[in-house]
Amino acid sequence: MPKILQVDGFKFYFWPREGGEPPHIHVKKGNGNAKFWLIPEIKEKYSYGFTVR
C-alpha cells in the first residue's frame, strides 16, 4: 500500500490494483477508515470511526 501523505496522524494511501473501481484514495487515522472517489468529483464512499469534527 503506497502511502502518499501523512498529516496530523492521517495517512492517505492507495492500492494500485483494486479491480475496476474508479480512482480513489483511502484515509486512515487510529481506528478511523475512509474511502473517497476522486472522479468524476470527490465523493465519500464510506467512513468509519471518525467523528464529525
N, C-alpha and C. Protein backbone atom coordinates (compact mmCIF):
# COMPACT_ATOMS: atom_id res chain seq x y z
N MET A 1 0.85 -1.16 0.00
CA MET A 1 0.00 0.00 0.00
C MET A 1 0.90 1.23 0.00
N PRO A 2 1.01 1.93 -1.12
CA PRO A 2 1.82 3.14 -1.19
C PRO A 2 1.18 4.30 -0.42
N LYS A 3 1.90 4.81 0.57
CA LYS A 3 1.41 5.97 1.33
C LYS A 3 1.79 7.23 0.55
N ILE A 4 0.81 8.08 0.32
CA ILE A 4 1.03 9.30 -0.44
C ILE A 4 1.43 10.44 0.48
N LEU A 5 0.75 10.53 1.63
CA LEU A 5 0.90 11.68 2.51
C LEU A 5 0.52 11.30 3.92
N GLN A 6 1.17 11.93 4.90
CA GLN A 6 0.77 11.77 6.30
C GLN A 6 0.75 13.16 6.93
N VAL A 7 -0.43 13.55 7.45
CA VAL A 7 -0.62 14.87 8.05
C VAL A 7 -1.40 14.72 9.34
N ASP A 8 -0.85 15.21 10.45
CA ASP A 8 -1.52 15.17 11.76
C ASP A 8 -2.07 13.79 12.09
N GLY A 9 -1.33 12.75 11.74
CA GLY A 9 -1.76 11.38 12.04
C GLY A 9 -2.66 10.75 10.99
N PHE A 10 -3.17 11.53 10.03
CA PHE A 10 -3.97 11.00 8.94
C PHE A 10 -3.03 10.44 7.88
N LYS A 11 -3.26 9.21 7.45
CA LYS A 11 -2.45 8.59 6.40
C LYS A 11 -3.31 8.46 5.16
N PHE A 12 -2.81 8.97 4.05
CA PHE A 12 -3.51 8.93 2.77
C PHE A 12 -2.77 7.94 1.88
N TYR A 13 -3.49 6.93 1.37
CA TYR A 13 -2.82 5.91 0.58
C TYR A 13 -3.76 5.32 -0.47
N PHE A 14 -3.17 4.54 -1.37
CA PHE A 14 -3.96 3.88 -2.41
C PHE A 14 -3.41 2.48 -2.64
N TRP A 15 -4.23 1.67 -3.25
CA TRP A 15 -3.84 0.34 -3.71
C TRP A 15 -3.77 0.42 -5.23
N PRO A 16 -2.65 0.09 -5.85
CA PRO A 16 -2.52 0.29 -7.29
C PRO A 16 -3.40 -0.63 -8.14
N ARG A 17 -3.82 -1.77 -7.64
CA ARG A 17 -4.62 -2.70 -8.46
C ARG A 17 -5.87 -3.14 -7.70
N GLU A 18 -6.87 -2.29 -7.67
CA GLU A 18 -8.11 -2.61 -6.95
C GLU A 18 -9.25 -2.92 -7.91
N GLY A 19 -8.97 -3.66 -8.94
CA GLY A 19 -10.03 -4.07 -9.84
C GLY A 19 -10.57 -2.93 -10.67
N GLY A 20 -11.87 -2.96 -10.93
CA GLY A 20 -12.50 -1.99 -11.81
C GLY A 20 -13.05 -0.77 -11.11
N GLU A 21 -12.63 -0.49 -9.89
CA GLU A 21 -13.15 0.68 -9.18
C GLU A 21 -12.60 1.97 -9.79
N PRO A 22 -13.39 3.06 -9.71
CA PRO A 22 -12.88 4.35 -10.17
C PRO A 22 -11.69 4.79 -9.30
N PRO A 23 -10.88 5.73 -9.78
CA PRO A 23 -9.77 6.23 -8.97
C PRO A 23 -10.28 6.74 -7.62
N HIS A 24 -9.57 6.34 -6.56
CA HIS A 24 -9.98 6.74 -5.20
C HIS A 24 -8.77 6.72 -4.28
N ILE A 25 -8.98 7.25 -3.08
CA ILE A 25 -7.93 7.30 -2.07
C ILE A 25 -8.50 6.82 -0.74
N HIS A 26 -7.67 6.17 0.05
CA HIS A 26 -8.04 5.71 1.38
C HIS A 26 -7.42 6.65 2.41
N VAL A 27 -8.12 6.86 3.51
CA VAL A 27 -7.63 7.69 4.60
C VAL A 27 -7.77 6.91 5.89
N LYS A 28 -6.71 6.92 6.71
CA LYS A 28 -6.75 6.17 7.97
C LYS A 28 -6.10 7.00 9.07
N LYS A 29 -6.71 6.92 10.25
CA LYS A 29 -6.14 7.52 11.46
C LYS A 29 -6.71 6.76 12.64
N GLY A 30 -5.86 6.17 13.45
CA GLY A 30 -6.31 5.39 14.59
C GLY A 30 -7.26 4.29 14.12
N ASN A 31 -8.47 4.27 14.68
CA ASN A 31 -9.48 3.29 14.26
C ASN A 31 -10.33 3.77 13.09
N GLY A 32 -10.10 5.00 12.65
CA GLY A 32 -10.88 5.55 11.56
C GLY A 32 -10.39 5.07 10.20
N ASN A 33 -11.32 4.89 9.28
CA ASN A 33 -11.00 4.42 7.95
C ASN A 33 -12.03 4.99 6.98
N ALA A 34 -11.57 5.53 5.86
CA ALA A 34 -12.49 6.12 4.89
C ALA A 34 -11.97 5.89 3.48
N LYS A 35 -12.89 5.98 2.52
CA LYS A 35 -12.54 5.89 1.10
C LYS A 35 -13.27 7.00 0.37
N PHE A 36 -12.55 7.69 -0.52
CA PHE A 36 -13.12 8.78 -1.30
C PHE A 36 -12.88 8.53 -2.77
N TRP A 37 -13.98 8.59 -3.58
CA TRP A 37 -13.83 8.56 -5.03
C TRP A 37 -13.24 9.90 -5.46
N LEU A 38 -12.41 9.90 -6.48
CA LEU A 38 -11.79 11.13 -6.97
C LEU A 38 -12.38 11.61 -8.29
N ILE A 39 -13.02 10.71 -9.03
CA ILE A 39 -13.57 11.04 -10.35
C ILE A 39 -14.99 10.50 -10.42
N PRO A 40 -15.96 11.19 -10.95
CA PRO A 40 -15.87 12.46 -11.65
C PRO A 40 -15.79 13.66 -10.70
N GLU A 41 -16.07 13.46 -9.42
CA GLU A 41 -15.90 14.50 -8.40
C GLU A 41 -15.53 13.81 -7.10
N ILE A 42 -14.97 14.54 -6.16
CA ILE A 42 -14.61 13.94 -4.88
C ILE A 42 -15.89 13.63 -4.11
N LYS A 43 -16.03 12.36 -3.73
CA LYS A 43 -17.24 11.90 -3.05
C LYS A 43 -16.88 10.81 -2.05
N GLU A 44 -17.42 10.90 -0.85
CA GLU A 44 -17.15 9.89 0.18
C GLU A 44 -17.85 8.59 -0.18
N LYS A 45 -17.10 7.50 -0.23
CA LYS A 45 -17.67 6.17 -0.45
C LYS A 45 -18.10 5.58 0.89
N TYR A 46 -17.20 5.65 1.90
CA TYR A 46 -17.54 5.22 3.25
C TYR A 46 -16.61 5.89 4.24
N SER A 47 -17.02 5.92 5.48
CA SER A 47 -16.21 6.49 6.55
C SER A 47 -16.64 5.84 7.86
N TYR A 48 -15.70 5.21 8.54
CA TYR A 48 -15.96 4.54 9.81
C TYR A 48 -14.95 5.01 10.86
N GLY A 49 -15.43 5.23 12.07
CA GLY A 49 -14.53 5.53 13.19
C GLY A 49 -14.02 6.94 13.29
N PHE A 50 -14.50 7.83 12.42
CA PHE A 50 -14.13 9.25 12.51
C PHE A 50 -15.29 10.03 13.13
N THR A 51 -14.97 11.08 13.88
CA THR A 51 -16.01 11.97 14.38
C THR A 51 -16.27 13.07 13.33
N VAL A 52 -17.37 13.75 13.46
CA VAL A 52 -17.69 14.83 12.54
C VAL A 52 -16.61 15.92 12.60
N ARG A 53 -16.11 16.15 13.77
CA ARG A 53 -15.07 17.15 13.95
C ARG A 53 -13.84 16.78 13.17
